PDB file of N, CA and C in Angstrom:
ATOM      1  N   MET A   1     -15.428  38.828  -1.239  1.00  0.00           N
ATOM      2  CA  MET A   1     -14.073  38.757  -1.716  1.00  0.00           C
ATOM      3  C   MET A   1     -13.407  37.512  -1.123  1.00  0.00           C
ATOM      4  N   LYS A   2     -12.663  36.814  -1.937  1.00  0.00           N
ATOM      5  CA  LYS A   2     -12.006  35.576  -1.548  1.00  0.00           C
ATOM      6  C   LYS A   2     -10.655  35.852  -0.893  1.00  0.00           C
ATOM      7  N   LYS A   3     -10.328  35.066   0.129  1.00  0.00           N
ATOM      8  CA  LYS A   3      -9.018  35.182   0.759  1.00  0.00           C
ATOM      9  C   LYS A   3      -7.961  34.581  -0.146  1.00  0.00           C
ATOM     10  N   LYS A   4      -6.835  35.244  -0.241  1.00  0.00           N
ATOM     11  CA  LYS A   4      -5.739  34.698  -1.037  1.00  0.00           C
ATOM     12  C   LYS A   4      -4.881  33.809  -0.151  1.00  0.00           C
ATOM     13  N   GLY A   5      -4.383  32.737  -0.730  1.00  0.00           N
ATOM     14  CA  GLY A   5      -3.463  31.869  -0.008  1.00  0.00           C
ATOM     15  C   GLY A   5      -4.135  30.840   0.879  1.00  0.00           C
ATOM     16  N   HIS A   6      -5.443  30.763   0.845  1.00  0.00           N
ATOM     17  CA  HIS A   6      -6.124  29.768   1.670  1.00  0.00           C
ATOM     18  C   HIS A   6      -6.209  28.449   0.903  1.00  0.00           C
ATOM     19  N   ILE A   7      -5.610  27.415   1.459  1.00  0.00           N
ATOM     20  CA  ILE A   7      -5.660  26.097   0.844  1.00  0.00           C
ATOM     21  C   ILE A   7      -6.560  25.224   1.702  1.00  0.00           C
ATOM     22  N   PRO A   8      -7.631  24.679   1.134  1.00  0.00           N
ATOM     23  CA  PRO A   8      -8.519  23.841   1.939  1.00  0.00           C
ATOM     24  C   PRO A   8      -7.824  22.550   2.368  1.00  0.00           C
ATOM     25  N   VAL A   9      -8.132  22.093   3.554  1.00  0.00           N
ATOM     26  CA  VAL A   9      -7.552  20.859   4.080  1.00  0.00           C
ATOM     27  C   VAL A   9      -8.459  19.708   3.670  1.00  0.00           C
ATOM     28  N   THR A  10      -7.874  18.744   2.984  1.00  0.00           N
ATOM     29  CA  THR A  10      -8.644  17.579   2.573  1.00  0.00           C
ATOM     30  C   THR A  10      -8.529  16.519   3.653  1.00  0.00           C
ATOM     31  N   ARG A  11      -9.641  16.086   4.152  1.00  0.00           N
ATOM     32  CA  ARG A  11      -9.623  15.060   5.180  1.00  0.00           C
ATOM     33  C   ARG A  11      -9.655  13.689   4.515  1.00  0.00           C
ATOM     34  N   VAL A  12      -8.814  12.806   5.017  1.00  0.00           N
ATOM     35  CA  VAL A  12      -8.768  11.452   4.487  1.00  0.00           C
ATOM     36  C   VAL A  12      -9.307  10.505   5.539  1.00  0.00           C
ATOM     37  N   LYS A  13      -9.845   9.398   5.072  1.00  0.00           N
ATOM     38  CA  LYS A  13     -10.422   8.429   6.006  1.00  0.00           C
ATOM     39  C   LYS A  13      -9.344   7.851   6.915  1.00  0.00           C
ATOM     40  N   ASN A  14      -8.205   7.455   6.340  1.00  0.00           N
ATOM     41  CA  ASN A  14      -7.106   6.907   7.125  1.00  0.00           C
ATOM     42  C   ASN A  14      -5.846   7.722   6.857  1.00  0.00           C
ATOM     43  N   PRO A  15      -5.655   8.821   7.608  1.00  0.00           N
ATOM     44  CA  PRO A  15      -4.471   9.640   7.356  1.00  0.00           C
ATOM     45  C   PRO A  15      -3.190   8.887   7.725  1.00  0.00           C
ATOM     46  N   GLU A  16      -2.101   9.270   7.085  1.00  0.00           N
ATOM     47  CA  GLU A  16      -0.822   8.599   7.318  1.00  0.00           C
ATOM     48  C   GLU A  16      -0.283   8.953   8.702  1.00  0.00           C
ATOM     49  N   PRO A  17      -0.024   7.933   9.542  1.00  0.00           N
ATOM     50  CA  PRO A  17       0.558   8.213  10.863  1.00  0.00           C
ATOM     51  C   PRO A  17       2.039   8.568  10.742  1.00  0.00           C
ATOM     52  N   ASN A  18       2.617   9.006  11.839  1.00  0.00           N
ATOM     53  CA  ASN A  18       4.039   9.335  11.889  1.00  0.00           C
ATOM     54  C   ASN A  18       4.853   8.079  11.606  1.00  0.00           C
ATOM     55  N   ILE A  19       5.928   8.199  10.823  1.00  0.00           N
ATOM     56  CA  ILE A  19       6.703   7.031  10.405  1.00  0.00           C
ATOM     57  C   ILE A  19       7.391   6.334  11.580  1.00  0.00           C
ATOM     58  N   GLU A  20       7.673   7.054  12.667  1.00  0.00           N
ATOM     59  CA  GLU A  20       8.277   6.423  13.843  1.00  0.00           C
ATOM     60  C   GLU A  20       7.267   5.581  14.617  1.00  0.00           C
ATOM     61  N   SER A  21       5.997   5.817  14.388  1.00  0.00           N
ATOM     62  CA  SER A  21       4.945   5.097  15.098  1.00  0.00           C
ATOM     63  C   SER A  21       4.812   3.670  14.573  1.00  0.00           C
ATOM     64  N   PRO A  22       4.562   2.698  15.470  1.00  0.00           N
ATOM     65  CA  PRO A  22       4.338   1.326  14.985  1.00  0.00           C
ATOM     66  C   PRO A  22       3.084   1.222  14.103  1.00  0.00           C
ATOM     67  N   ASP A  23       2.195   2.172  14.249  1.00  0.00           N
ATOM     68  CA  ASP A  23       0.983   2.176  13.428  1.00  0.00           C
ATOM     69  C   ASP A  23       1.293   2.437  11.958  1.00  0.00           C
ATOM     70  N   TRP A  24       2.450   3.055  11.659  1.00  0.00           N
ATOM     71  CA  TRP A  24       2.793   3.340  10.275  1.00  0.00           C
ATOM     72  C   TRP A  24       2.954   2.055   9.471  1.00  0.00           C
ATOM     73  N   VAL A  25       3.556   1.024  10.078  1.00  0.00           N
ATOM     74  CA  VAL A  25       3.755  -0.247   9.376  1.00  0.00           C
ATOM     75  C   VAL A  25       2.396  -0.854   9.034  1.00  0.00           C
ATOM     76  N   ILE A  26       1.470  -0.806   9.965  1.00  0.00           N
ATOM     77  CA  ILE A  26       0.121  -1.344   9.718  1.00  0.00           C
ATOM     78  C   ILE A  26      -0.575  -0.530   8.636  1.00  0.00           C
ATOM     79  N   TRP A  27      -0.460   0.786   8.719  1.00  0.00           N
ATOM     80  CA  TRP A  27      -1.078   1.654   7.709  1.00  0.00           C
ATOM     81  C   TRP A  27      -0.493   1.368   6.321  1.00  0.00           C
ATOM     82  N   ALA A  28       0.831   1.240   6.248  1.00  0.00           N
ATOM     83  CA  ALA A  28       1.498   0.999   4.969  1.00  0.00           C
ATOM     84  C   ALA A  28       1.156  -0.382   4.425  1.00  0.00           C
ATOM     85  N   ALA A  29       1.011  -1.366   5.316  1.00  0.00           N
ATOM     86  CA  ALA A  29       0.665  -2.715   4.872  1.00  0.00           C
ATOM     87  C   ALA A  29      -0.735  -2.740   4.260  1.00  0.00           C
ATOM     88  N   TRP A  30      -1.654  -1.959   4.787  1.00  0.00           N
ATOM     89  CA  TRP A  30      -3.005  -1.897   4.229  1.00  0.00           C
ATOM     90  C   TRP A  30      -3.052  -1.098   2.937  1.00  0.00           C
ATOM     91  N   ALA A  31      -2.139  -0.141   2.769  1.00  0.00           N
ATOM     92  CA  ALA A  31      -2.151   0.707   1.576  1.00  0.00           C
ATOM     93  C   ALA A  31      -1.730  -0.112   0.357  1.00  0.00           C
ATOM     94  N   ASP A  32      -2.527  -0.097  -0.677  1.00  0.00           N
ATOM     95  CA  ASP A  32      -2.256  -0.902  -1.868  1.00  0.00           C
ATOM     96  C   ASP A  32      -1.036  -0.434  -2.641  1.00  0.00           C
ATOM     97  N   ARG A  33      -0.755   0.839  -2.645  1.00  0.00           N
ATOM     98  CA  ARG A  33       0.316   1.371  -3.486  1.00  0.00           C
ATOM     99  C   ARG A  33       1.688   1.393  -2.802  1.00  0.00           C
ATOM    100  N   ILE A  34       1.773   0.902  -1.572  1.00  0.00           N
ATOM    101  CA  ILE A  34       3.068   0.850  -0.883  1.00  0.00           C
ATOM    102  C   ILE A  34       3.533  -0.599  -0.871  1.00  0.00           C
ATOM    103  N   THR A  35       4.659  -0.850  -1.508  1.00  0.00           N
ATOM    104  CA  THR A  35       5.157  -2.219  -1.624  1.00  0.00           C
ATOM    105  C   THR A  35       5.916  -2.622  -0.362  1.00  0.00           C
ATOM    106  N   PHE A  36       6.121  -3.934  -0.214  1.00  0.00           N
ATOM    107  CA  PHE A  36       6.906  -4.435   0.911  1.00  0.00           C
ATOM    108  C   PHE A  36       8.337  -3.921   0.835  1.00  0.00           C
ATOM    109  N   GLU A  37       8.834  -3.726  -0.370  1.00  0.00           N
ATOM    110  CA  GLU A  37      10.192  -3.215  -0.542  1.00  0.00           C
ATOM    111  C   GLU A  37      10.316  -1.787  -0.003  1.00  0.00           C
ATOM    112  N   GLU A  38       9.289  -0.961  -0.237  1.00  0.00           N
ATOM    113  CA  GLU A  38       9.294   0.399   0.278  1.00  0.00           C
ATOM    114  C   GLU A  38       9.200   0.408   1.798  1.00  0.00           C
ATOM    115  N   ILE A  39       8.384  -0.487   2.356  1.00  0.00           N
ATOM    116  CA  ILE A  39       8.269  -0.586   3.814  1.00  0.00           C
ATOM    117  C   ILE A  39       9.618  -0.967   4.406  1.00  0.00           C
ATOM    118  N   GLU A  40      10.307  -1.915   3.765  1.00  0.00           N
ATOM    119  CA  GLU A  40      11.611  -2.344   4.265  1.00  0.00           C
ATOM    120  C   GLU A  40      12.631  -1.216   4.174  1.00  0.00           C
ATOM    121  N   LYS A  41      12.572  -0.445   3.087  1.00  0.00           N
ATOM    122  CA  LYS A  41      13.516   0.653   2.913  1.00  0.00           C
ATOM    123  C   LYS A  41      13.319   1.723   3.991  1.00  0.00           C
ATOM    124  N   LYS A  42      12.053   2.008   4.339  1.00  0.00           N
ATOM    125  CA  LYS A  42      11.778   3.084   5.290  1.00  0.00           C
ATOM    126  C   LYS A  42      11.909   2.653   6.747  1.00  0.00           C
ATOM    127  N   THR A  43      11.568   1.379   7.046  1.00  0.00           N
ATOM    128  CA  THR A  43      11.551   0.948   8.450  1.00  0.00           C
ATOM    129  C   THR A  43      12.565  -0.139   8.771  1.00  0.00           C
ATOM    130  N   GLY A  44      13.078  -0.823   7.746  1.00  0.00           N
ATOM    131  CA  GLY A  44      14.005  -1.923   7.987  1.00  0.00           C
ATOM    132  C   GLY A  44      13.305  -3.243   8.292  1.00  0.00           C
ATOM    133  N   LYS A  45      11.981  -3.278   8.190  1.00  0.00           N
ATOM    134  CA  LYS A  45      11.222  -4.493   8.477  1.00  0.00           C
ATOM    135  C   LYS A  45      10.975  -5.268   7.185  1.00  0.00           C
ATOM    136  N   THR A  46      11.294  -6.569   7.209  1.00  0.00           N
ATOM    137  CA  THR A  46      11.095  -7.414   6.033  1.00  0.00           C
ATOM    138  C   THR A  46       9.621  -7.785   5.900  1.00  0.00           C
ATOM    139  N   GLU A  47       9.294  -8.413   4.781  1.00  0.00           N
ATOM    140  CA  GLU A  47       7.907  -8.839   4.550  1.00  0.00           C
ATOM    141  C   GLU A  47       7.430  -9.775   5.649  1.00  0.00           C
ATOM    142  N   SER A  48       8.261 -10.726   6.053  1.00  0.00           N
ATOM    143  CA  SER A  48       7.842 -11.677   7.102  1.00  0.00           C
ATOM    144  C   SER A  48       7.637 -10.968   8.439  1.00  0.00           C
ATOM    145  N   GLU A  49       8.451  -9.948   8.732  1.00  0.00           N
ATOM    146  CA  GLU A  49       8.259  -9.178   9.967  1.00  0.00           C
ATOM    147  C   GLU A  49       6.960  -8.373   9.917  1.00  0.00           C
ATOM    148  N   VAL A  50       6.650  -7.829   8.744  1.00  0.00           N
ATOM    149  CA  VAL A  50       5.394  -7.085   8.582  1.00  0.00           C
ATOM    150  C   VAL A  50       4.209  -8.022   8.784  1.00  0.00           C
ATOM    151  N   ILE A  51       4.294  -9.233   8.251  1.00  0.00           N
ATOM    152  CA  ILE A  51       3.216 -10.212   8.420  1.00  0.00           C
ATOM    153  C   ILE A  51       3.034 -10.545   9.895  1.00  0.00           C
ATOM    154  N   LYS A  52       4.141 -10.722  10.632  1.00  0.00           N
ATOM    155  CA  LYS A  52       4.053 -11.004  12.072  1.00  0.00           C
ATOM    156  C   LYS A  52       3.412  -9.838  12.823  1.00  0.00           C
ATOM    157  N   ILE A  53       3.798  -8.606  12.460  1.00  0.00           N
ATOM    158  CA  ILE A  53       3.212  -7.423  13.100  1.00  0.00           C
ATOM    159  C   ILE A  53       1.717  -7.376  12.833  1.00  0.00           C
ATOM    160  N   MET A  54       1.332  -7.631  11.596  1.00  0.00           N
ATOM    161  CA  MET A  54      -0.097  -7.609  11.248  1.00  0.00           C
ATOM    162  C   MET A  54      -0.853  -8.702  11.996  1.00  0.00           C
ATOM    163  N   ARG A  55      -0.265  -9.877  12.097  1.00  0.00           N
ATOM    164  CA  ARG A  55      -0.913 -10.991  12.798  1.00  0.00           C
ATOM    165  C   ARG A  55      -1.155 -10.641  14.268  1.00  0.00           C
ATOM    166  N   ARG A  56      -0.179  -9.963  14.896  1.00  0.00           N
ATOM    167  CA  ARG A  56      -0.296  -9.592  16.311  1.00  0.00           C
ATOM    168  C   ARG A  56      -1.240  -8.415  16.530  1.00  0.00           C
ATOM    169  N   SER A  57      -1.293  -7.496  15.585  1.00  0.00           N
ATOM    170  CA  SER A  57      -1.921  -6.200  15.828  1.00  0.00           C
ATOM    171  C   SER A  57      -3.387  -6.105  15.432  1.00  0.00           C
ATOM    172  N   ILE A  58      -3.819  -6.910  14.488  1.00  0.00           N
ATOM    173  CA  ILE A  58      -5.207  -6.775  14.036  1.00  0.00           C
ATOM    174  C   ILE A  58      -5.983  -8.051  14.343  1.00  0.00           C
ATOM    175  N   LYS A  59      -7.294  -7.949  14.239  1.00  0.00           N
ATOM    176  CA  LYS A  59      -8.152  -9.100  14.523  1.00  0.00           C
ATOM    177  C   LYS A  59      -7.859 -10.233  13.549  1.00  0.00           C
ATOM    178  N   PRO A  60      -8.072 -11.478  13.967  1.00  0.00           N
ATOM    179  CA  PRO A  60      -7.818 -12.617  13.071  1.00  0.00           C
ATOM    180  C   PRO A  60      -8.583 -12.527  11.745  1.00  0.00           C
ATOM    181  N   SER A  61      -9.828 -12.094  11.801  1.00  0.00           N
ATOM    182  CA  SER A  61     -10.602 -11.999  10.553  1.00  0.00           C
ATOM    183  C   SER A  61     -10.042 -10.901   9.644  1.00  0.00           C
ATOM    184  N   SER A  62      -9.590  -9.804  10.240  1.00  0.00           N
ATOM    185  CA  SER A  62      -8.988  -8.730   9.453  1.00  0.00           C
ATOM    186  C   SER A  62      -7.661  -9.184   8.860  1.00  0.00           C
ATOM    187  N   PHE A  63      -6.907  -9.968   9.627  1.00  0.00           N
ATOM    188  CA  PHE A  63      -5.639 -10.485   9.125  1.00  0.00           C
ATOM    189  C   PHE A  63      -5.870 -11.399   7.934  1.00  0.00           C
ATOM    190  N   ARG A  64      -6.857 -12.277   8.009  1.00  0.00           N
ATOM    191  CA  ARG A  64      -7.156 -13.184   6.886  1.00  0.00           C
ATOM    192  C   ARG A  64      -7.580 -12.382   5.656  1.00  0.00           C
ATOM    193  N   LEU A  65      -8.381 -11.362   5.865  1.00  0.00           N
ATOM    194  CA  LEU A  65      -8.814 -10.501   4.763  1.00  0.00           C
ATOM    195  C   LEU A  65      -7.618  -9.794   4.135  1.00  0.00           C
ATOM    196  N   TRP A  66      -6.717  -9.282   4.976  1.00  0.00           N
ATOM    197  CA  TRP A  66      -5.524  -8.597   4.474  1.00  0.00           C
ATOM    198  C   TRP A  66      -4.636  -9.544   3.680  1.00  0.00           C
ATOM    199  N   ARG A  67      -4.399 -10.754   4.204  1.00  0.00           N
ATOM    200  CA  ARG A  67      -3.560 -11.734   3.507  1.00  0.00           C
ATOM    201  C   ARG A  67      -4.159 -12.102   2.158  1.00  0.00           C
ATOM    202  N   LYS A  68      -5.471 -12.239   2.120  1.00  0.00           N
ATOM    203  CA  LYS A  68      -6.146 -12.559   0.859  1.00  0.00           C
ATOM    204  C   LYS A  68      -5.938 -11.432  -0.152  1.00  0.00           C
ATOM    205  N   ARG A  69      -6.072 -10.177   0.305  1.00  0.00           N
ATOM    206  CA  ARG A  69      -5.856  -9.021  -0.579  1.00  0.00           C
ATOM    207  C   ARG A  69      -4.430  -8.963  -1.074  1.00  0.00           C
ATOM    208  N   VAL A  70      -3.469  -9.181  -0.165  1.00  0.00           N
ATOM    209  CA  VAL A  70      -2.056  -9.090  -0.530  1.00  0.00           C
ATOM    210  C   VAL A  70      -1.701 -10.178  -1.536  1.00  0.00           C
ATOM    211  N   ASN A  71      -2.223 -11.376  -1.355  1.00  0.00           N
ATOM    212  CA  ASN A  71      -1.906 -12.470  -2.274  1.00  0.00           C
ATOM    213  C   ASN A  71      -2.573 -12.292  -3.636  1.00  0.00           C
ATOM    214  N   GLN A  72      -3.739 -11.664  -3.679  1.00  0.00           N
ATOM    215  CA  GLN A  72      -4.430 -11.474  -4.949  1.00  0.00           C
ATOM    216  C   GLN A  72      -3.865 -10.302  -5.737  1.00  0.00           C
ATOM    217  N   LYS A  73      -3.445  -9.258  -5.041  1.00  0.00           N
ATOM    218  CA  LYS A  73      -2.960  -8.066  -5.729  1.00  0.00           C
ATOM    219  C   LYS A  73      -1.484  -8.206  -6.043  1.00  0.00           C
ATOM    220  N   SER A  74      -1.123  -7.793  -7.228  1.00  0.00           N
ATOM    221  CA  SER A  74       0.284  -7.860  -7.607  1.00  0.00           C
ATOM    222  C   SER A  74       1.031  -6.597  -7.197  1.00  0.00           C
ATOM    223  N   ILE A  75       0.342  -5.665  -6.579  1.00  0.00           N
ATOM    224  CA  ILE A  75       0.917  -4.361  -6.289  1.00  0.00           C
ATOM    225  C   ILE A  75       1.872  -4.389  -5.097  1.00  0.00           C
ATOM    226  N   LYS A  76       1.673  -5.291  -4.140  1.00  0.00           N
ATOM    227  CA  LYS A  76       2.475  -5.281  -2.919  1.00  0.00           C
ATOM    228  C   LYS A  76       3.917  -5.730  -3.140  1.00  0.00           C
ATOM    229  N   HIS A  77       4.210  -6.359  -4.247  1.00  0.00           N
ATOM    230  CA  HIS A  77       5.577  -6.777  -4.552  1.00  0.00           C
ATOM    231  C   HIS A  77       6.039  -6.036  -5.797  1.00  0.00           C
ATOM    232  N   ARG A  78       7.164  -5.372  -5.705  1.00  0.00           N
ATOM    233  CA  ARG A  78       7.652  -4.512  -6.783  1.00  0.00           C
ATOM    234  C   ARG A  78       7.781  -5.258  -8.110  1.00  0.00           C
ATOM    235  N   LYS A  79       8.373  -6.473  -8.108  1.00  0.00           N
ATOM    236  CA  LYS A  79       8.572  -7.200  -9.369  1.00  0.00           C
ATOM    237  C   LYS A  79       7.241  -7.567 -10.016  1.00  0.00           C
ATOM    238  N   LYS A  80       6.285  -8.040  -9.207  1.00  0.00           N
ATOM    239  CA  LYS A  80       4.970  -8.389  -9.752  1.00  0.00           C
ATOM    240  C   LYS A  80       4.267  -7.147 -10.283  1.00  0.00           C
ATOM    241  N   PHE A  81       4.412  -6.032  -9.557  1.00  0.00           N
ATOM    242  CA  PHE A  81       3.771  -4.788  -9.975  1.00  0.00           C
ATOM    243  C   PHE A  81       4.324  -4.329 -11.322  1.00  0.00           C
ATOM    244  N   GLU A  82       5.652  -4.336 -11.453  1.00  0.00           N
ATOM    245  CA  GLU A  82       6.260  -3.907 -12.711  1.00  0.00           C
ATOM    246  C   GLU A  82       5.857  -4.819 -13.859  1.00  0.00           C
ATOM    247  N   TYR A  83       5.774  -6.127 -13.596  1.00  0.00           N
ATOM    248  CA  TYR A  83       5.369  -7.080 -14.622  1.00  0.00           C
ATOM    249  C   TYR A  83       3.926  -6.814 -15.055  1.00  0.00           C
ATOM    250  N   SER A  84       3.039  -6.569 -14.102  1.00  0.00           N
ATOM    251  CA  SER A  84       1.636  -6.313 -14.454  1.00  0.00           C
ATOM    252  C   SER A  84       1.497  -5.013 -15.239  1.00  0.00           C
ATOM    253  N   ARG A  85       2.318  -3.999 -14.901  1.00  0.00           N
ATOM    254  CA  ARG A  85       2.280  -2.733 -15.642  1.00  0.00           C
ATOM    255  C   ARG A  85       2.751  -2.939 -17.081  1.00  0.00           C
ATOM    256  N   LYS A  86       3.773  -3.791 -17.275  1.00  0.00           N
ATOM    257  CA  LYS A  86       4.255  -4.065 -18.627  1.00  0.00           C
ATOM    258  C   LYS A  86       3.173  -4.734 -19.452  1.00  0.00           C
ATOM    259  N   GLN A  87       2.430  -5.657 -18.826  1.00  0.00           N
ATOM    260  CA  GLN A  87       1.358  -6.336 -19.558  1.00  0.00           C
ATOM    261  C   GLN A  87       0.280  -5.348 -19.969  1.00  0.00           C
ATOM    262  N   ILE A  88      -0.087  -4.456 -19.067  1.00  0.00           N
ATOM    263  CA  ILE A  88      -1.135  -3.476 -19.363  1.00  0.00           C
ATOM    264  C   ILE A  88      -0.684  -2.544 -20.479  1.00  0.00           C
ATOM    265  N   THR A  89       0.550  -2.033 -20.384  1.00  0.00           N
ATOM    266  CA  THR A  89       1.018  -1.103 -21.413  1.00  0.00           C
ATOM    267  C   THR A  89       1.182  -1.789 -22.764  1.00  0.00           C
ATOM    268  N   SER A  90       1.566  -3.063 -22.771  1.00  0.00           N
ATOM    269  CA  SER A  90       1.693  -3.756 -24.054  1.00  0.00           C
ATOM    270  C   SER A  90       0.321  -3.971 -24.686  1.00  0.00           C
ATOM    271  N   LYS A  91      -0.702  -4.223 -23.874  1.00  0.00           N
ATOM    272  CA  LYS A  91      -2.061  -4.375 -24.405  1.00  0.00           C
ATOM    273  C   LYS A  91      -2.565  -3.063 -24.985  1.00  0.00           C
ATOM    274  N   ILE A  92      -2.257  -1.966 -24.315  1.00  0.00           N
ATOM    275  CA  ILE A  92      -2.702  -0.656 -24.795  1.00  0.00           C
ATOM    276  C   ILE A  92      -1.998  -0.313 -26.106  1.00  0.00           C
ATOM    277  N   LYS A  93      -0.711  -0.626 -26.204  1.00  0.00           N
ATOM    278  CA  LYS A  93       0.023  -0.346 -27.442  1.00  0.00           C
ATOM    279  C   LYS A  93      -0.510  -1.163 -28.607  1.00  0.00           C
ATOM    280  N   LYS A  94      -0.932  -2.398 -28.326  1.00  0.00           N
ATOM    281  CA  LYS A  94      -1.466  -3.256 -29.380  1.00  0.00           C
ATOM    282  C   LYS A  94      -2.879  -2.838 -29.784  1.00  0.00           C
ATOM    283  N   GLY A  95      -3.552  -2.105 -28.911  1.00  0.00           N
ATOM    284  CA  GLY A  95      -4.925  -1.693 -29.206  1.00  0.00           C
ATOM    285  C   GLY A  95      -5.947  -2.571 -28.513  1.00  0.00           C
ATOM    286  N   ASP A  96      -5.493  -3.516 -27.680  1.00  0.00           N
ATOM    287  CA  ASP A  96      -6.422  -4.357 -26.923  1.00  0.00           C
ATOM    288  C   ASP A  96      -6.752  -3.645 -25.627  1.00  0.00           C
ATOM    289  N   TYR A  97      -7.761  -2.802 -25.648  1.00  0.00           N
ATOM    290  CA  TYR A  97      -8.100  -2.021 -24.461  1.00  0.00           C
ATOM    291  C   TYR A  97      -8.862  -2.885 -23.481  1.00  0.00           C
ATOM    292  N   LEU A  98      -8.673  -2.558 -22.220  1.00  0.00           N
ATOM    293  CA  LEU A  98      -9.296  -3.332 -21.142  1.00  0.00           C
ATOM    294  C   LEU A  98     -10.743  -3.124 -21.047  1.00  0.00           C
TER     295      LEU A  98
END
């Protein structure tokens, strides 16, 4: 017989740290779906401050890798993300599937 009300705990590779922790900014900066605008809204840290924190906190090679990812992905900036979503949805409406 199965227990009622038991919800399995899903383990994640990088669980979200407490928002008061300085590690939260690093975690959010690595997360693709969290924009710099959201980080600023939650912590008050601007994009340049986040870059400085990342430069100080992670290895130089990891920092270069992160900067390369952030510059290539349009997701980290809200305006670029919204623009890319509009392009995708317009292609789908036209029938030009990816």
